[in-house]
Amino acid sequence: MLNARIRHGRASGTKVFICDVSDSGAAIQCGDGDLPSGNIHLDFSIPDDPDRIHVTAELVWQDSSGSAGIRFVDMASSARKRLSDWLKQESSKVDRERLSLAKSIGR
């Protein structure tokens, strides 16, 4: 899970958690459960990267528990590359862990 902050218009930021992220969007958890419709601004950090990623995103869905899905509509190309590289690195880690687990149970 990644910590993030969202803003809508000139409102101050609200802390949210990114539960799942891809290069095109994210699933987030917002404590108050009420996100504004339309575009929001999201910023977050990925592990081992000192620079925050700033994204304009569109709210796609939300439910009463505070879960929501957003689609990234604008992100600097350098930020998109950093996110993509990190996602590839994380995917490789998961693949190695699965292989190790399979070997340990004799598959």
Foldseek 3Di string as FASTA:
>chain_A
DWWKWKADDPDDTFIWAFPDDDLWWTKIAGQQQDDDAAKMWMWTDDPPDPDIWIFIWGWDDGDNRRITIITTDDTPPVSSVVRNVVVVVVVVVVVVVVVVVCVVVPD
